[in-house]
C-alpha cells in the first residue's frame, strides 16, 4: 500500500506542477514575514488532565494562535515543579507528539514532543493527494512558526528553565527545527537526529522505491517545488544557528538519507558543530533499539554539553 500511495502522490504532484494555476501560485518570496504572521500570539490553551507514568507527569496540551495555527503537544516532565531544561522534539509525521512516550527517563528534563499542524489524512490513494496538497503545503510552512508558538507558551511555565532549550529535529523534523532555531534565539542548542539537507535530493532518493530510477530526479524536483522545499531546505538556514551549537547524529547505513545530503547540511553549518556516526539504519518507531540508543546518546551529550553551551542571554 505504501508504495502505491507514494507513486500516486508523485504522479499527482507532477500533474499539479504542470497545471497553469499551480504554476501561478509557486513564487519564491521571502518566507520570513509569512512565518511571523502565522506564528501570531497565543490565543488559547487546552490542557488535558495530567497522569503520572514511569515517575513523570504526562499532559496533553494544545496551543492555538491568533492566526489559526494549532499546535498539539505532549509534555513529559519530572514530578517536581522546579524549573528544568527543556527538550523540544519534532519527529516524523506519523509519531507526532507521541514521540515523548518513546523516552522512558527524561533525566530530570522537561520533554515536549510536537505534532505537525496538519489535520488531513496521512495515507492517500492515487490522485486523492490533489485534494490535500494545498493543506500539506500550508502545514509544512506553518511548522516553524508552530514551534515558536509552542515555545511562547512553554517558556512561561514555572517548570521550564528558559536558559537551556534543546531543539531536537528527528528525521523529517530536522528542516523545520533548523528553520525555527535560525529564527528564534531562545533555542540554545539544535540537534539533528537522522536528518539531512537538500530536500530535493531526499525526495528523489525516496521516490526510487515507487518508480523507475530514471524518473526519480524529476519527481523529486516536482515534489520539492510543490511542498516549498526551496524555502525549507535546512542548509540554507543552518548558518543562522551559530554561535549556538548544532549537533548531528546520523546512521552509517541510513536507507532514507543519501550520504551527500547529510554531509551538505553539516558543511553548511557554522561552528560550533559536531557530527556523530552510529552503525545502523534510519530511525523509526518500529525500530525501538535504534530509538533507545539515540535517546540515550542525546541525553548523555546534553548532560556533558550543558556547561559549555552558549545561550541567547550570554
Protein backbone atom coordinates (compact mmCIF):
# COMPACT_ATOMS: atom_id res chain seq x y z
CA UNK A 1 0.00 0.00 0.00
CA UNK A 2 2.78 2.43 0.92
CA UNK A 3 4.39 2.11 -2.50
CA UNK A 4 1.13 2.73 -4.33
CA UNK A 5 0.47 5.79 -2.20
CA UNK A 6 3.91 7.23 -2.92
CA UNK A 7 3.63 6.54 -6.63
CA UNK A 8 0.19 8.09 -6.84
CA UNK A 9 1.40 11.06 -4.88
CA UNK A 10 4.35 11.70 -7.16
CA UNK A 11 2.22 11.43 -10.29
CA UNK A 12 -0.33 13.81 -8.84
CA UNK A 13 2.35 16.28 -7.84
CA UNK A 14 3.68 16.28 -11.38
CA UNK A 15 0.22 16.96 -12.76
CA UNK A 16 -0.26 19.82 -10.35
CA UNK A 17 3.07 21.39 -11.14
CA UNK A 18 2.36 21.28 -14.86
CA UNK A 19 -1.03 22.93 -14.40
CA UNK A 20 -1.17 26.64 -15.13
CA UNK A 21 -2.97 27.54 -11.92
CA UNK A 22 -0.40 25.74 -9.81
CA UNK A 23 2.49 27.37 -11.59
CA UNK A 24 0.99 30.76 -10.92
CA UNK A 25 0.98 30.09 -7.19
CA UNK A 26 4.62 29.00 -6.91
CA UNK A 27 6.51 32.19 -6.13
CA UNK A 28 9.80 32.15 -4.27
CA UNK A 29 9.11 35.07 -1.95
CA UNK A 30 10.94 35.72 1.31
CA UNK A 31 9.18 33.37 3.76
CA UNK A 32 10.17 35.15 6.99
CA UNK A 33 7.30 37.68 7.09
CA UNK A 34 4.86 34.85 6.42
CA UNK A 35 6.35 32.82 9.25
CA UNK A 36 5.90 35.73 11.64
CA UNK A 37 2.31 36.29 10.58
CA UNK A 38 1.42 32.63 11.01
CA UNK A 39 3.06 32.49 14.44
CA UNK A 40 0.74 35.17 15.78
CA UNK A 41 0.16 35.12 19.53
CA UNK A 42 -1.17 32.52 21.93
CA UNK A 43 -4.96 32.81 21.79
CA UNK A 44 -5.99 29.77 23.85
CA UNK A 45 -4.57 26.70 25.56
CA UNK A 46 -6.35 23.41 26.16
CA UNK A 47 -4.84 21.06 28.75
CA UNK A 48 -5.96 17.50 29.36
CA UNK A 49 -5.85 16.06 32.84
CA UNK A 50 -2.29 15.07 33.70
CA UNK A 51 -1.37 11.48 34.53
CA UNK A 52 1.63 10.05 36.35
CA UNK A 53 3.56 7.37 34.47
CA UNK A 54 7.06 5.99 34.95
CA UNK A 55 7.82 8.61 37.56
CA UNK A 56 6.86 11.51 35.28
CA UNK A 57 3.90 13.80 34.89
CA UNK A 58 2.40 13.48 31.39
CA UNK A 59 -0.02 16.01 29.96
CA UNK A 60 -1.50 16.62 26.52
CA UNK A 61 -1.65 20.31 25.63
CA UNK A 62 -2.96 22.12 22.56
CA UNK A 63 -1.94 25.73 21.89
CA UNK A 64 -3.88 27.83 19.40
CA UNK A 65 -2.65 31.01 17.76
CA UNK A 66 -4.50 34.17 16.82
CA UNK A 67 -3.54 33.23 13.25
CA UNK A 68 -5.38 29.91 13.44
CA UNK A 69 -2.28 27.70 13.74
CA UNK A 70 -2.85 24.87 16.22
CA UNK A 71 -0.02 23.00 17.95
CA UNK A 72 -0.77 19.72 19.74
CA UNK A 73 1.98 18.62 22.13
CA UNK A 74 2.67 16.06 24.82
CA UNK A 75 4.56 17.21 27.91
CA UNK A 76 6.54 14.68 29.94
CA UNK A 77 8.29 16.19 32.95
CA UNK A 78 9.65 15.36 36.38
CA UNK A 79 7.16 15.25 39.24
CA UNK A 80 8.93 18.13 40.98
CA UNK A 81 7.73 21.56 39.85
CA UNK A 82 11.17 23.17 39.91
CA UNK A 83 12.43 24.66 36.63
CA UNK A 84 14.19 22.12 34.40
CA UNK A 85 15.87 22.26 30.97
CA UNK A 86 13.51 21.91 28.03
CA UNK A 87 13.89 19.33 25.26
CA UNK A 88 11.54 20.16 22.38
CA UNK A 89 11.15 17.32 19.86
CA UNK A 90 9.74 17.32 16.34
CA UNK A 91 9.94 13.88 14.74
CA UNK A 92 8.17 12.10 11.93
CA UNK A 93 4.62 12.96 10.95
CA UNK A 94 3.27 9.55 11.97
CA UNK A 95 4.69 9.66 15.51
CA UNK A 96 3.90 13.30 16.27
CA UNK A 97 3.54 14.22 19.90
CA UNK A 98 3.60 10.56 20.97
CA UNK A 99 7.37 10.68 20.46
CA UNK A 100 7.58 11.84 24.07
CA UNK A 101 6.40 8.39 25.14
CA UNK A 102 9.45 6.81 23.47
CA UNK A 103 11.65 8.34 26.18
CA UNK A 104 11.34 6.24 29.35
CA UNK A 105 13.52 8.50 31.51
CA UNK A 106 13.87 12.24 30.82
CA UNK A 107 16.81 12.51 33.26
CA UNK A 108 15.32 15.47 35.02
CA UNK A 109 14.39 17.35 31.86
CA UNK A 110 11.07 18.56 30.52
CA UNK A 111 10.49 16.67 27.28
CA UNK A 112 7.86 18.02 24.90
CA UNK A 113 7.01 16.40 21.57
CA UNK A 114 5.00 18.26 18.93
CA UNK A 115 2.60 17.13 16.27
CA UNK A 116 2.57 18.80 12.87
CA UNK A 117 -0.15 21.40 12.28
CA UNK A 118 -1.88 19.17 9.73
CA UNK A 119 -5.29 17.60 10.25
CA UNK A 120 -5.81 15.83 6.92
CA UNK A 121 -5.25 12.13 6.15
CA UNK A 122 -1.72 10.72 6.22
CA UNK A 123 -2.46 7.97 3.75
CA UNK A 124 -3.97 8.78 0.38
CA UNK A 125 -4.72 6.78 -2.74
CA UNK A 126 -3.52 8.00 -6.10
CA UNK A 127 -4.94 11.32 -7.18
CA UNK A 128 -6.54 11.92 -3.79
CA UNK A 129 -3.39 13.87 -2.96
CA UNK A 130 -4.66 16.59 -5.34
CA UNK A 131 -7.33 17.43 -2.80
CA UNK A 132 -4.97 17.64 0.14
CA UNK A 133 -1.80 19.06 -1.45
CA UNK A 134 -2.60 22.70 -0.53
CA UNK A 135 -3.23 21.67 3.08
CA UNK A 136 0.02 19.72 3.21
CA UNK A 137 1.98 22.64 1.79
CA UNK A 138 0.39 25.06 4.25
CA UNK A 139 1.08 22.73 7.18
CA UNK A 140 4.75 22.42 6.25
CA UNK A 141 5.12 26.20 6.09
CA UNK A 142 3.24 26.54 9.37
CA UNK A 143 5.58 24.16 11.19
CA UNK A 144 8.47 26.56 12.01
CA UNK A 145 6.07 29.19 13.41
CA UNK A 146 4.23 26.40 15.25
CA UNK A 147 7.48 25.52 17.02
CA UNK A 148 7.90 29.16 18.04
CA UNK A 149 4.30 29.33 19.21
CA UNK A 150 4.86 26.26 21.39
CA UNK A 151 7.88 27.99 22.93
CA UNK A 152 5.80 31.12 23.59
CA UNK A 153 3.68 29.08 25.98
CA UNK A 154 6.26 26.65 27.33
CA UNK A 155 8.78 29.29 28.34
CA UNK A 156 6.15 30.96 30.51
CA UNK A 157 5.72 27.83 32.62
CA UNK A 158 7.43 27.84 36.04
CA UNK A 159 8.72 24.28 35.50
CA UNK A 160 10.79 25.24 32.43
CA UNK A 161 14.31 26.66 32.60
CA UNK A 162 14.30 29.10 29.69
CA UNK A 163 18.07 29.36 29.65
CA UNK A 164 18.50 25.79 28.38
CA UNK A 165 16.28 24.87 25.44
CA UNK A 166 17.25 21.97 23.21
CA UNK A 167 15.50 21.78 19.84
CA UNK A 168 15.57 18.21 18.50
CA UNK A 169 14.58 17.59 14.90
CA UNK A 170 14.36 13.87 14.16
CA UNK A 171 14.20 12.69 10.54
CA UNK A 172 11.52 14.84 8.85
CA UNK A 173 11.72 17.22 11.80
CA UNK A 174 15.29 18.35 11.05
CA UNK A 175 14.49 21.02 8.42
CA UNK A 176 11.70 22.58 10.46
CA UNK A 177 13.61 22.63 13.75
CA UNK A 178 16.60 24.15 11.94
CA UNK A 179 14.46 26.91 10.43
CA UNK A 180 12.78 27.61 13.77
CA UNK A 181 16.13 27.83 15.56
CA UNK A 182 17.52 30.12 12.87
CA UNK A 183 14.61 32.49 13.56
CA UNK A 184 14.41 32.04 17.33
CA UNK A 185 17.45 32.57 19.61
CA UNK A 186 15.52 31.09 22.55
CA UNK A 187 16.57 27.66 21.24
CA UNK A 188 20.04 27.31 22.74
CA UNK A 189 21.19 24.03 21.13
CA UNK A 190 19.94 22.29 17.98
CA UNK A 191 20.08 18.54 17.45
CA UNK A 192 19.55 16.91 14.05
CA UNK A 193 18.80 13.21 14.58
CA UNK A 194 18.97 11.23 11.33
CA UNK A 195 18.44 14.42 9.36
CA UNK A 196 19.95 15.87 6.20
CA UNK A 197 19.84 18.78 3.78
CA UNK A 198 19.00 19.00 0.08
CA UNK A 199 15.29 18.27 0.30
CA UNK A 200 15.06 17.83 -3.47
CA UNK A 201 17.67 15.06 -3.38
CA UNK A 202 15.96 13.41 -0.41
CA UNK A 203 12.62 13.34 -2.21
CA UNK A 204 14.24 11.95 -5.36
CA UNK A 205 16.11 9.31 -3.39
CA UNK A 206 12.96 8.06 -1.67
CA UNK A 207 10.94 8.21 -4.89
CA UNK A 208 13.05 5.35 -6.24
CA UNK A 209 11.05 2.97 -4.06
CA UNK A 210 7.91 3.57 -6.10
CA UNK A 211 9.08 4.38 -9.63
CA UNK A 212 11.92 3.69 -12.08
CA UNK A 213 15.16 5.39 -11.02
CA UNK A 214 15.20 7.29 -14.33
CA UNK A 215 12.14 9.33 -13.31
CA UNK A 216 13.04 9.82 -9.65
CA UNK A 217 15.10 13.05 -10.08
CA UNK A 218 12.22 14.74 -11.92
CA UNK A 219 9.74 13.53 -9.32
CA UNK A 220 11.99 14.86 -6.56
CA UNK A 221 12.22 18.26 -8.21
CA UNK A 222 8.46 18.49 -8.76
CA UNK A 223 7.66 17.43 -5.21
CA UNK A 224 10.26 19.82 -3.81
CA UNK A 225 8.72 22.82 -5.55
CA UNK A 226 5.15 21.86 -4.64
CA UNK A 227 5.84 21.48 -0.91
CA UNK A 228 8.05 24.56 -0.80
CA UNK A 229 11.32 22.72 -0.32
CA UNK A 230 13.41 25.63 -1.66
CA UNK A 231 12.14 27.65 1.33
CA UNK A 232 12.70 24.96 3.91
CA UNK A 233 15.82 23.04 2.94
CA UNK A 234 17.90 23.33 6.12
CA UNK A 235 21.33 24.04 4.64
CA UNK A 236 20.02 27.49 3.67
CA UNK A 237 19.17 28.28 7.31
CA UNK A 238 21.67 26.43 9.46
CA UNK A 239 24.35 29.14 9.43
CA UNK A 240 21.99 31.40 11.36
CA UNK A 241 22.01 28.97 14.28
CA UNK A 242 25.61 29.88 15.19
CA UNK A 243 27.06 30.67 17.67
CA UNK A 244 24.67 28.18 19.27
CA UNK A 245 25.79 24.53 18.91
CA UNK A 246 24.48 22.36 16.08
CA UNK A 247 24.88 18.62 16.60
CA UNK A 248 24.06 15.91 14.07
CA UNK A 249 23.57 12.24 14.89
CA UNK A 250 23.44 10.04 11.79
CA UNK A 251 23.41 6.39 10.77
CA UNK A 252 26.06 4.84 8.57
CA UNK A 253 23.50 2.59 6.83
CA UNK A 254 20.64 5.07 6.56
CA UNK A 255 18.47 3.90 3.67
CA UNK A 256 16.39 7.11 3.68
CA UNK A 257 19.14 9.74 3.60
CA UNK A 258 21.89 9.73 0.95
CA UNK A 259 25.29 10.45 2.47
CA UNK A 260 25.95 13.58 0.33
CA UNK A 261 22.73 15.18 1.64
CA UNK A 262 23.83 14.57 5.23
CA UNK A 263 27.30 15.96 4.57
CA UNK A 264 25.84 19.00 2.77
CA UNK A 265 23.93 20.01 5.89
CA UNK A 266 26.95 19.55 8.12
CA UNK A 267 29.18 21.52 5.73
CA UNK A 268 26.72 24.41 5.70
CA UNK A 269 26.60 24.67 9.49
CA UNK A 270 28.99 27.05 11.26
CA UNK A 271 30.98 26.31 14.39
CA UNK A 272 30.32 25.13 16.99
CA UNK A 273 29.11 21.98 15.29
CA UNK A 274 29.58 18.23 15.58
CA UNK A 275 28.54 15.11 13.69
CA UNK A 276 28.45 11.65 15.26
CA UNK A 277 28.03 8.49 13.20
CA UNK A 278 26.37 5.35 14.51
CA UNK A 279 26.03 1.95 12.84
CA UNK A 280 22.53 1.03 11.77
CA UNK A 281 19.57 2.18 9.71
CA UNK A 282 17.17 5.11 9.77
CA UNK A 283 15.31 5.83 12.99
CA UNK A 284 11.68 4.67 13.03
CA UNK A 285 9.21 3.97 15.85
CA UNK A 286 9.12 0.30 14.81
CA UNK A 287 12.86 0.07 15.43
CA UNK A 288 12.89 0.55 19.21
CA UNK A 289 16.53 -0.44 19.61
CA UNK A 290 17.59 2.48 17.39
CA UNK A 291 15.24 4.89 19.17
CA UNK A 292 16.52 3.88 22.61
CA UNK A 293 20.17 4.18 21.58
CA UNK A 294 19.63 7.63 20.06
CA UNK A 295 17.66 8.91 23.04
CA UNK A 296 20.36 7.70 25.42
CA UNK A 297 23.07 9.34 23.30
CA UNK A 298 21.26 12.67 23.02
CA UNK A 299 20.52 12.91 26.74
CA UNK A 300 24.08 11.91 27.65
CA UNK A 301 25.58 14.51 25.34
CA UNK A 302 23.17 17.12 26.68
CA UNK A 303 24.48 16.47 30.17
CA UNK A 304 28.08 16.83 29.01
CA UNK A 305 27.45 19.91 26.89
CA UNK A 306 25.32 21.87 29.36
CA UNK A 307 28.27 23.62 30.93
CA UNK A 308 29.70 24.58 27.54
CA UNK A 309 26.53 25.86 25.93
CA UNK A 310 26.28 29.37 24.57
CA UNK A 311 22.84 30.71 25.47
CA UNK A 312 20.91 33.54 23.94
CA UNK A 313 21.43 35.58 27.12
CA UNK A 314 25.24 35.25 27.28
